[in-house]
Amino acid sequence: MYHADRNAWARVRRQVSQFLRDLAEAGAFPGAVDGKDWFVVTDERVNTEHDTLLGRISILVGFAASRPAEFHTYLITHSTAGSVVRP
């Protein structure tokens, strides 16, 4: 069984952060203000002990939209059964 723990949270956060960093460097987030292009949260704020026991991991991702101080945010929940994305 897949085990989503703090180590998995950190790996996912690094991978998604690198992806978003590359997009930011390419100019993908025109509404960014003061270098706040995007954020990634994979800690206990979005992952419960129950999620961890079931092998699920949730990733909260936000990125700057086309207008300053406006972000698009998505909660992605991933498990061995697949992924679900909610705005």
PDB file of N, CA and C in Angstrom:
ATOM      1  N   MET A   1       0.842  -1.188   0.000  1.00  0.00           N
ATOM      2  CA  MET A   1       0.000   0.000   0.000  1.00  0.00           C
ATOM      3  C   MET A   1       0.881   1.243   0.000  1.00  0.00           C
ATOM      4  N   TYR A   2       0.464   2.234  -0.742  1.00  0.00           N
ATOM      5  CA  TYR A   2       1.138   3.520  -0.795  1.00  0.00           C
ATOM      6  C   TYR A   2       1.011   4.203   0.554  1.00  0.00           C
ATOM      7  N   HIS A   3       2.088   4.756   1.043  1.00  0.00           N
ATOM      8  CA  HIS A   3       2.045   5.415   2.353  1.00  0.00           C
ATOM      9  C   HIS A   3       2.418   6.885   2.193  1.00  0.00           C
ATOM     10  N   ALA A   4       1.459   7.757   2.351  1.00  0.00           N
ATOM     11  CA  ALA A   4       1.679   9.207   2.234  1.00  0.00           C
ATOM     12  C   ALA A   4       1.987   9.765   3.614  1.00  0.00           C
ATOM     13  N   ASP A   5       3.246  10.055   3.865  1.00  0.00           N
ATOM     14  CA  ASP A   5       3.643  10.598   5.158  1.00  0.00           C
ATOM     15  C   ASP A   5       4.365  11.928   4.960  1.00  0.00           C
ATOM     16  N   ARG A   6       4.955  12.446   6.019  1.00  0.00           N
ATOM     17  CA  ARG A   6       5.640  13.728   5.948  1.00  0.00           C
ATOM     18  C   ARG A   6       6.760  13.736   4.912  1.00  0.00           C
ATOM     19  N   ASN A   7       7.448  12.611   4.744  1.00  0.00           N
ATOM     20  CA  ASN A   7       8.503  12.532   3.726  1.00  0.00           C
ATOM     21  C   ASN A   7       7.899  12.661   2.331  1.00  0.00           C
ATOM     22  N   ALA A   8       6.778  12.012   2.107  1.00  0.00           N
ATOM     23  CA  ALA A   8       6.095  12.113   0.813  1.00  0.00           C
ATOM     24  C   ALA A   8       5.606  13.541   0.600  1.00  0.00           C
ATOM     25  N   TRP A   9       5.086  14.165   1.662  1.00  0.00           N
ATOM     26  CA  TRP A   9       4.620  15.553   1.554  1.00  0.00           C
ATOM     27  C   TRP A   9       5.767  16.450   1.077  1.00  0.00           C
ATOM     28  N   ALA A  10       6.939  16.272   1.681  1.00  0.00           N
ATOM     29  CA  ALA A  10       8.096  17.102   1.333  1.00  0.00           C
ATOM     30  C   ALA A  10       8.535  16.856  -0.109  1.00  0.00           C
ATOM     31  N   ARG A  11       8.576  15.583  -0.539  1.00  0.00           N
ATOM     32  CA  ARG A  11       8.959  15.270  -1.924  1.00  0.00           C
ATOM     33  C   ARG A  11       7.997  15.896  -2.917  1.00  0.00           C
ATOM     34  N   VAL A  12       6.714  15.768  -2.651  1.00  0.00           N
ATOM     35  CA  VAL A  12       5.704  16.337  -3.558  1.00  0.00           C
ATOM     36  C   VAL A  12       5.823  17.858  -3.583  1.00  0.00           C
ATOM     37  N   ARG A  13       5.998  18.477  -2.414  1.00  0.00           N
ATOM     38  CA  ARG A  13       6.129  19.933  -2.347  1.00  0.00           C
ATOM     39  C   ARG A  13       7.337  20.396  -3.172  1.00  0.00           C
ATOM     40  N   ARG A  14       8.470  19.693  -3.071  1.00  0.00           N
ATOM     41  CA  ARG A  14       9.659  20.056  -3.860  1.00  0.00           C
ATOM     42  C   ARG A  14       9.400  19.915  -5.353  1.00  0.00           C
ATOM     43  N   GLN A  15       8.757  18.821  -5.760  1.00  0.00           N
ATOM     44  CA  GLN A  15       8.501  18.594  -7.184  1.00  0.00           C
ATOM     45  C   GLN A  15       7.554  19.645  -7.765  1.00  0.00           C
ATOM     46  N   VAL A  16       6.460  19.910  -7.067  1.00  0.00           N
ATOM     47  CA  VAL A  16       5.491  20.892  -7.557  1.00  0.00           C
ATOM     48  C   VAL A  16       6.103  22.292  -7.518  1.00  0.00           C
ATOM     49  N   SER A  17       6.869  22.585  -6.487  1.00  0.00           N
ATOM     50  CA  SER A  17       7.522  23.890  -6.397  1.00  0.00           C
ATOM     51  C   SER A  17       8.484  24.102  -7.558  1.00  0.00           C
ATOM     52  N   GLN A  18       9.250  23.093  -7.907  1.00  0.00           N
ATOM     53  CA  GLN A  18      10.177  23.226  -9.026  1.00  0.00           C
ATOM     54  C   GLN A  18       9.420  23.470 -10.331  1.00  0.00           C
ATOM     55  N   PHE A  19       8.329  22.752 -10.521  1.00  0.00           N
ATOM     56  CA  PHE A  19       7.500  22.936 -11.714  1.00  0.00           C
ATOM     57  C   PHE A  19       6.982  24.373 -11.798  1.00  0.00           C
ATOM     58  N   LEU A  20       6.466  24.891 -10.683  1.00  0.00           N
ATOM     59  CA  LEU A  20       5.928  26.255 -10.663  1.00  0.00           C
ATOM     60  C   LEU A  20       7.039  27.299 -10.781  1.00  0.00           C
ATOM     61  N   ARG A  21       8.204  27.020 -10.194  1.00  0.00           N
ATOM     62  CA  ARG A  21       9.347  27.929 -10.318  1.00  0.00           C
ATOM     63  C   ARG A  21       9.751  28.066 -11.788  1.00  0.00           C
ATOM     64  N   ASP A  22       9.797  26.938 -12.495  1.00  0.00           N
ATOM     65  CA  ASP A  22      10.131  26.969 -13.922  1.00  0.00           C
ATOM     66  C   ASP A  22       9.108  27.778 -14.716  1.00  0.00           C
ATOM     67  N   LEU A  23       7.832  27.607 -14.387  1.00  0.00           N
ATOM     68  CA  LEU A  23       6.795  28.391 -15.062  1.00  0.00           C
ATOM     69  C   LEU A  23       6.942  29.879 -14.769  1.00  0.00           C
ATOM     70  N   ALA A  24       7.242  30.211 -13.520  1.00  0.00           N
ATOM     71  CA  ALA A  24       7.415  31.616 -13.136  1.00  0.00           C
ATOM     72  C   ALA A  24       8.574  32.240 -13.899  1.00  0.00           C
ATOM     73  N   GLU A  25       9.673  31.507 -14.018  1.00  0.00           N
ATOM     74  CA  GLU A  25      10.837  32.018 -14.750  1.00  0.00           C
ATOM     75  C   GLU A  25      10.514  32.243 -16.228  1.00  0.00           C
ATOM     76  N   ALA A  26       9.551  31.491 -16.744  1.00  0.00           N
ATOM     77  CA  ALA A  26       9.134  31.652 -18.145  1.00  0.00           C
ATOM     78  C   ALA A  26       8.079  32.748 -18.300  1.00  0.00           C
ATOM     79  N   GLY A  27       7.697  33.401 -17.173  1.00  0.00           N
ATOM     80  CA  GLY A  27       6.742  34.498 -17.239  1.00  0.00           C
ATOM     81  C   GLY A  27       5.286  34.086 -17.214  1.00  0.00           C
ATOM     82  N   ALA A  28       5.005  32.918 -16.669  1.00  0.00           N
ATOM     83  CA  ALA A  28       3.642  32.380 -16.692  1.00  0.00           C
ATOM     84  C   ALA A  28       2.670  33.062 -15.725  1.00  0.00           C
ATOM     85  N   PHE A  29       3.172  33.851 -14.783  1.00  0.00           N
ATOM     86  CA  PHE A  29       2.296  34.434 -13.767  1.00  0.00           C
ATOM     87  C   PHE A  29       2.362  35.963 -13.809  1.00  0.00           C
ATOM     88  N   PRO A  30       1.704  36.579 -14.783  1.00  0.00           N
ATOM     89  CA  PRO A  30       1.821  38.031 -14.969  1.00  0.00           C
ATOM     90  C   PRO A  30       1.232  38.864 -13.841  1.00  0.00           C
ATOM     91  N   GLY A  31       0.370  38.302 -13.024  1.00  0.00           N
ATOM     92  CA  GLY A  31      -0.245  39.065 -11.946  1.00  0.00           C
ATOM     93  C   GLY A  31       0.529  39.010 -10.647  1.00  0.00           C
ATOM     94  N   ALA A  32       1.711  38.402 -10.662  1.00  0.00           N
ATOM     95  CA  ALA A  32       2.507  38.265  -9.441  1.00  0.00           C
ATOM     96  C   ALA A  32       2.916  39.634  -8.909  1.00  0.00           C
ATOM     97  N   VAL A  33       2.846  39.782  -7.591  1.00  0.00           N
ATOM     98  CA  VAL A  33       3.235  41.020  -6.924  1.00  0.00           C
ATOM     99  C   VAL A  33       4.332  40.688  -5.915  1.00  0.00           C
ATOM    100  N   ASP A  34       5.420  41.442  -5.948  1.00  0.00           N
ATOM    101  CA  ASP A  34       6.519  41.280  -4.983  1.00  0.00           C
ATOM    102  C   ASP A  34       7.063  39.851  -4.944  1.00  0.00           C
ATOM    103  N   GLY A  35       7.164  39.200  -6.097  1.00  0.00           N
ATOM    104  CA  GLY A  35       7.733  37.859  -6.156  1.00  0.00           C
ATOM    105  C   GLY A  35       6.830  36.755  -5.635  1.00  0.00           C
ATOM    106  N   LYS A  36       5.591  37.081  -5.355  1.00  0.00           N
ATOM    107  CA  LYS A  36       4.643  36.072  -4.870  1.00  0.00           C
ATOM    108  C   LYS A  36       3.902  35.495  -6.074  1.00  0.00           C
ATOM    109  N   ASP A  37       4.581  34.603  -6.789  1.00  0.00           N
ATOM    110  CA  ASP A  37       4.038  34.016  -8.005  1.00  0.00           C
ATOM    111  C   ASP A  37       3.110  32.836  -7.726  1.00  0.00           C
ATOM    112  N   TRP A  38       3.464  32.057  -6.693  1.00  0.00           N
ATOM    113  CA  TRP A  38       2.755  30.806  -6.450  1.00  0.00           C
ATOM    114  C   TRP A  38       3.017  30.327  -5.022  1.00  0.00           C
ATOM    115  N   PHE A  39       2.244  29.328  -4.591  1.00  0.00           N
ATOM    116  CA  PHE A  39       2.510  28.666  -3.309  1.00  0.00           C
ATOM    117  C   PHE A  39       2.069  27.214  -3.401  1.00  0.00           C
ATOM    118  N   VAL A  40       2.668  26.387  -2.552  1.00  0.00           N
ATOM    119  CA  VAL A  40       2.334  24.970  -2.474  1.00  0.00           C
ATOM    120  C   VAL A  40       2.251  24.602  -1.000  1.00  0.00           C
ATOM    121  N   VAL A  41       1.159  23.953  -0.584  1.00  0.00           N
ATOM    122  CA  VAL A  41       0.985  23.498   0.797  1.00  0.00           C
ATOM    123  C   VAL A  41       0.715  21.995   0.764  1.00  0.00           C
ATOM    124  N   THR A  42       1.539  21.234   1.501  1.00  0.00           N
ATOM    125  CA  THR A  42       1.333  19.777   1.566  1.00  0.00           C
ATOM    126  C   THR A  42       1.409  19.271   2.999  1.00  0.00           C
ATOM    127  N   ASP A  43       1.279  20.139   3.961  1.00  0.00           N
ATOM    128  CA  ASP A  43       1.446  19.732   5.349  1.00  0.00           C
ATOM    129  C   ASP A  43       0.122  19.366   6.019  1.00  0.00           C
ATOM    130  N   GLU A  44       0.122  19.375   7.354  1.00  0.00           N
ATOM    131  CA  GLU A  44      -1.073  18.959   8.103  1.00  0.00           C
ATOM    132  C   GLU A  44      -2.252  19.914   7.945  1.00  0.00           C
ATOM    133  N   ARG A  45      -2.035  21.069   7.349  1.00  0.00           N
ATOM    134  CA  ARG A  45      -3.154  21.973   7.073  1.00  0.00           C
ATOM    135  C   ARG A  45      -4.104  21.382   6.032  1.00  0.00           C
ATOM    136  N   VAL A  46      -3.589  20.541   5.149  1.00  0.00           N
ATOM    137  CA  VAL A  46      -4.430  19.939   4.104  1.00  0.00           C
ATOM    138  C   VAL A  46      -4.421  18.414   4.140  1.00  0.00           C
ATOM    139  N   ASN A  47      -3.608  17.821   5.019  1.00  0.00           N
ATOM    140  CA  ASN A  47      -3.527  16.366   5.142  1.00  0.00           C
ATOM    141  C   ASN A  47      -3.781  15.952   6.587  1.00  0.00           C
ATOM    142  N   THR A  48      -4.789  15.135   6.775  1.00  0.00           N
ATOM    143  CA  THR A  48      -5.115  14.656   8.113  1.00  0.00           C
ATOM    144  C   THR A  48      -4.444  13.311   8.363  1.00  0.00           C
ATOM    145  N   GLU A  49      -4.445  12.890   9.606  1.00  0.00           N
ATOM    146  CA  GLU A  49      -3.918  11.570   9.952  1.00  0.00           C
ATOM    147  C   GLU A  49      -4.706  10.482   9.219  1.00  0.00           C
ATOM    148  N   HIS A  50      -6.008  10.685   9.102  1.00  0.00           N
ATOM    149  CA  HIS A  50      -6.864   9.735   8.384  1.00  0.00           C
ATOM    150  C   HIS A  50      -6.440   9.618   6.917  1.00  0.00           C
ATOM    151  N   ASP A  51      -6.166  10.749   6.270  1.00  0.00           N
ATOM    152  CA  ASP A  51      -5.685  10.739   4.886  1.00  0.00           C
ATOM    153  C   ASP A  51      -4.396   9.928   4.776  1.00  0.00           C
ATOM    154  N   THR A  52      -3.481  10.177   5.714  1.00  0.00           N
ATOM    155  CA  THR A  52      -2.193   9.483   5.702  1.00  0.00           C
ATOM    156  C   THR A  52      -2.391   7.973   5.828  1.00  0.00           C
ATOM    157  N   LEU A  53      -3.262   7.564   6.728  1.00  0.00           N
ATOM    158  CA  LEU A  53      -3.519   6.126   6.917  1.00  0.00           C
ATOM    159  C   LEU A  53      -4.118   5.485   5.669  1.00  0.00           C
ATOM    160  N   LEU A  54      -4.899   6.263   4.924  1.00  0.00           N
ATOM    161  CA  LEU A  54      -5.515   5.751   3.698  1.00  0.00           C
ATOM    162  C   LEU A  54      -4.607   5.882   2.473  1.00  0.00           C
ATOM    163  N   GLY A  55      -3.414   6.468   2.673  1.00  0.00           N
ATOM    164  CA  GLY A  55      -2.486   6.612   1.567  1.00  0.00           C
ATOM    165  C   GLY A  55      -2.818   7.754   0.625  1.00  0.00           C
ATOM    166  N   ARG A  56      -3.582   8.726   1.110  1.00  0.00           N
ATOM    167  CA  ARG A  56      -3.924   9.896   0.290  1.00  0.00           C
ATOM    168  C   ARG A  56      -2.996  11.048   0.629  1.00  0.00           C
ATOM    169  N   ILE A  57      -2.748  11.873  -0.379  1.00  0.00           N
ATOM    170  CA  ILE A  57      -1.999  13.101  -0.149  1.00  0.00           C
ATOM    171  C   ILE A  57      -2.725  14.240  -0.849  1.00  0.00           C
ATOM    172  N   SER A  58      -2.876  15.343  -0.135  1.00  0.00           N
ATOM    173  CA  SER A  58      -3.519  16.527  -0.707  1.00  0.00           C
ATOM    174  C   SER A  58      -2.481  17.616  -0.886  1.00  0.00           C
ATOM    175  N   ILE A  59      -2.616  18.336  -1.983  1.00  0.00           N
ATOM    176  CA  ILE A  59      -1.693  19.401  -2.342  1.00  0.00           C
ATOM    177  C   ILE A  59      -2.535  20.637  -2.647  1.00  0.00           C
ATOM    178  N   LEU A  60      -2.307  21.701  -1.901  1.00  0.00           N
ATOM    179  CA  LEU A  60      -2.977  22.966  -2.175  1.00  0.00           C
ATOM    180  C   LEU A  60      -2.005  23.813  -2.989  1.00  0.00           C
ATOM    181  N   VAL A  61      -2.426  24.195  -4.185  1.00  0.00           N
ATOM    182  CA  VAL A  61      -1.581  24.962  -5.095  1.00  0.00           C
ATOM    183  C   VAL A  61      -2.298  26.260  -5.441  1.00  0.00           C
ATOM    184  N   GLY A  62      -1.566  27.344  -5.404  1.00  0.00           N
ATOM    185  CA  GLY A  62      -2.105  28.630  -5.819  1.00  0.00           C
ATOM    186  C   GLY A  62      -1.098  29.339  -6.692  1.00  0.00           C
ATOM    187  N   PHE A  63      -1.590  30.066  -7.669  1.00  0.00           N
ATOM    188  CA  PHE A  63      -0.680  30.826  -8.523  1.00  0.00           C
ATOM    189  C   PHE A  63      -1.331  32.126  -8.951  1.00  0.00           C
ATOM    190  N   ALA A  64      -0.477  33.107  -9.213  1.00  0.00           N
ATOM    191  CA  ALA A  64      -0.936  34.450  -9.563  1.00  0.00           C
ATOM    192  C   ALA A  64      -1.679  34.420 -10.892  1.00  0.00           C
ATOM    193  N   ALA A  65      -2.840  35.063 -10.894  1.00  0.00           N
ATOM    194  CA  ALA A  65      -3.635  35.181 -12.119  1.00  0.00           C
ATOM    195  C   ALA A  65      -3.126  36.375 -12.921  1.00  0.00           C
ATOM    196  N   SER A  66      -3.912  36.809 -13.862  1.00  0.00           N
ATOM    197  CA  SER A  66      -3.473  37.916 -14.712  1.00  0.00           C
ATOM    198  C   SER A  66      -3.610  39.285 -14.051  1.00  0.00           C
ATOM    199  N   ARG A  67      -4.385  39.378 -12.972  1.00  0.00           N
ATOM    200  CA  ARG A  67      -4.515  40.656 -12.261  1.00  0.00           C
ATOM    201  C   ARG A  67      -3.752  40.595 -10.941  1.00  0.00           C
ATOM    202  N   PRO A  68      -3.110  41.686 -10.541  1.00  0.00           N
ATOM    203  CA  PRO A  68      -2.354  41.713  -9.294  1.00  0.00           C
ATOM    204  C   PRO A  68      -3.204  41.302  -8.096  1.00  0.00           C
ATOM    205  N   ALA A  69      -2.589  40.539  -7.201  1.00  0.00           N
ATOM    206  CA  ALA A  69      -3.201  40.091  -5.942  1.00  0.00           C
ATOM    207  C   ALA A  69      -4.372  39.135  -6.141  1.00  0.00           C
ATOM    208  N   GLU A  70      -4.540  38.588  -7.312  1.00  0.00           N
ATOM    209  CA  GLU A  70      -5.591  37.594  -7.565  1.00  0.00           C
ATOM    210  C   GLU A  70      -4.916  36.242  -7.814  1.00  0.00           C
ATOM    211  N   PHE A  71      -5.343  35.241  -7.052  1.00  0.00           N
ATOM    212  CA  PHE A  71      -4.754  33.919  -7.188  1.00  0.00           C
ATOM    213  C   PHE A  71      -5.807  32.904  -7.614  1.00  0.00           C
ATOM    214  N   HIS A  72      -5.379  31.934  -8.396  1.00  0.00           N
ATOM    215  CA  HIS A  72      -6.183  30.745  -8.672  1.00  0.00           C
ATOM    216  C   HIS A  72      -5.667  29.683  -7.709  1.00  0.00           C
ATOM    217  N   THR A  73      -6.557  29.009  -7.002  1.00  0.00           N
ATOM    218  CA  THR A  73      -6.133  27.972  -6.072  1.00  0.00           C
ATOM    219  C   THR A  73      -6.872  26.672  -6.361  1.00  0.00           C
ATOM    220  N   TYR A  74      -6.154  25.577  -6.159  1.00  0.00           N
ATOM    221  CA  TYR A  74      -6.700  24.246  -6.408  1.00  0.00           C
ATOM    222  C   TYR A  74      -6.233  23.301  -5.321  1.00  0.00           C
ATOM    223  N   LEU A  75      -7.127  22.425  -4.901  1.00  0.00           N
ATOM    224  CA  LEU A  75      -6.773  21.366  -3.971  1.00  0.00           C
ATOM    225  C   LEU A  75      -6.770  20.068  -4.760  1.00  0.00           C
ATOM    226  N   ILE A  76      -5.613  19.447  -4.830  1.00  0.00           N
ATOM    227  CA  ILE A  76      -5.444  18.193  -5.555  1.00  0.00           C
ATOM    228  C   ILE A  76      -5.295  17.085  -4.517  1.00  0.00           C
ATOM    229  N   THR A  77      -6.134  16.079  -4.587  1.00  0.00           N
ATOM    230  CA  THR A  77      -6.026  14.938  -3.687  1.00  0.00           C
ATOM    231  C   THR A  77      -5.668  13.727  -4.527  1.00  0.00           C
ATOM    232  N   HIS A  78      -4.561  13.083  -4.155  1.00  0.00           N
ATOM    233  CA  HIS A  78      -4.045  11.964  -4.933  1.00  0.00           C
ATOM    234  C   HIS A  78      -3.984  10.708  -4.072  1.00  0.00           C
ATOM    235  N   SER A  79      -4.344   9.577  -4.681  1.00  0.00           N
ATOM    236  CA  SER A  79      -4.224   8.270  -4.040  1.00  0.00           C
ATOM    237  C   SER A  79      -3.920   7.247  -5.122  1.00  0.00           C
ATOM    238  N   THR A  80      -3.770   6.004  -4.736  1.00  0.00           N
ATOM    239  CA  THR A  80      -3.506   4.959  -5.729  1.00  0.00           C
ATOM    240  C   THR A  80      -4.695   4.787  -6.672  1.00  0.00           C
ATOM    241  N   ALA A  81      -5.875   5.234  -6.264  1.00  0.00           N
ATOM    242  CA  ALA A  81      -7.076   5.116  -7.103  1.00  0.00           C
ATOM    243  C   ALA A  81      -7.168   6.225  -8.136  1.00  0.00           C
ATOM    244  N   GLY A  82      -6.344   7.279  -8.003  1.00  0.00           N
ATOM    245  CA  GLY A  82      -6.386   8.385  -8.947  1.00  0.00           C
ATOM    246  C   GLY A  82      -6.326   9.720  -8.234  1.00  0.00           C
ATOM    247  N   SER A  83      -6.620  10.749  -8.981  1.00  0.00           N
ATOM    248  CA  SER A  83      -6.552  12.117  -8.452  1.00  0.00           C
ATOM    249  C   SER A  83      -7.869  12.844  -8.630  1.00  0.00           C
ATOM    250  N   VAL A  84      -8.130  13.778  -7.722  1.00  0.00           N
ATOM    251  CA  VAL A  84      -9.305  14.638  -7.795  1.00  0.00           C
ATOM    252  C   VAL A  84      -8.807  16.065  -7.619  1.00  0.00           C
ATOM    253  N   VAL A  85      -9.294  16.972  -8.469  1.00  0.00           N
ATOM    254  CA  VAL A  85      -8.900  18.378  -8.388  1.00  0.00           C
ATOM    255  C   VAL A  85     -10.144  19.204  -8.111  1.00  0.00           C
ATOM    256  N   ARG A  86     -10.035  20.061  -7.078  1.00  0.00           N
ATOM    257  CA  ARG A  86     -11.143  20.963  -6.735  1.00  0.00           C
ATOM    258  C   ARG A  86     -10.629  22.398  -6.713  1.00  0.00           C
ATOM    259  N   PRO A  87     -11.357  23.309  -7.357  1.00  0.00           N
ATOM    260  CA  PRO A  87     -10.965  24.720  -7.271  1.00  0.00           C
ATOM    261  C   PRO A  87     -11.272  25.266  -5.882  1.00  0.00           C
TER     262      PRO A  87
END
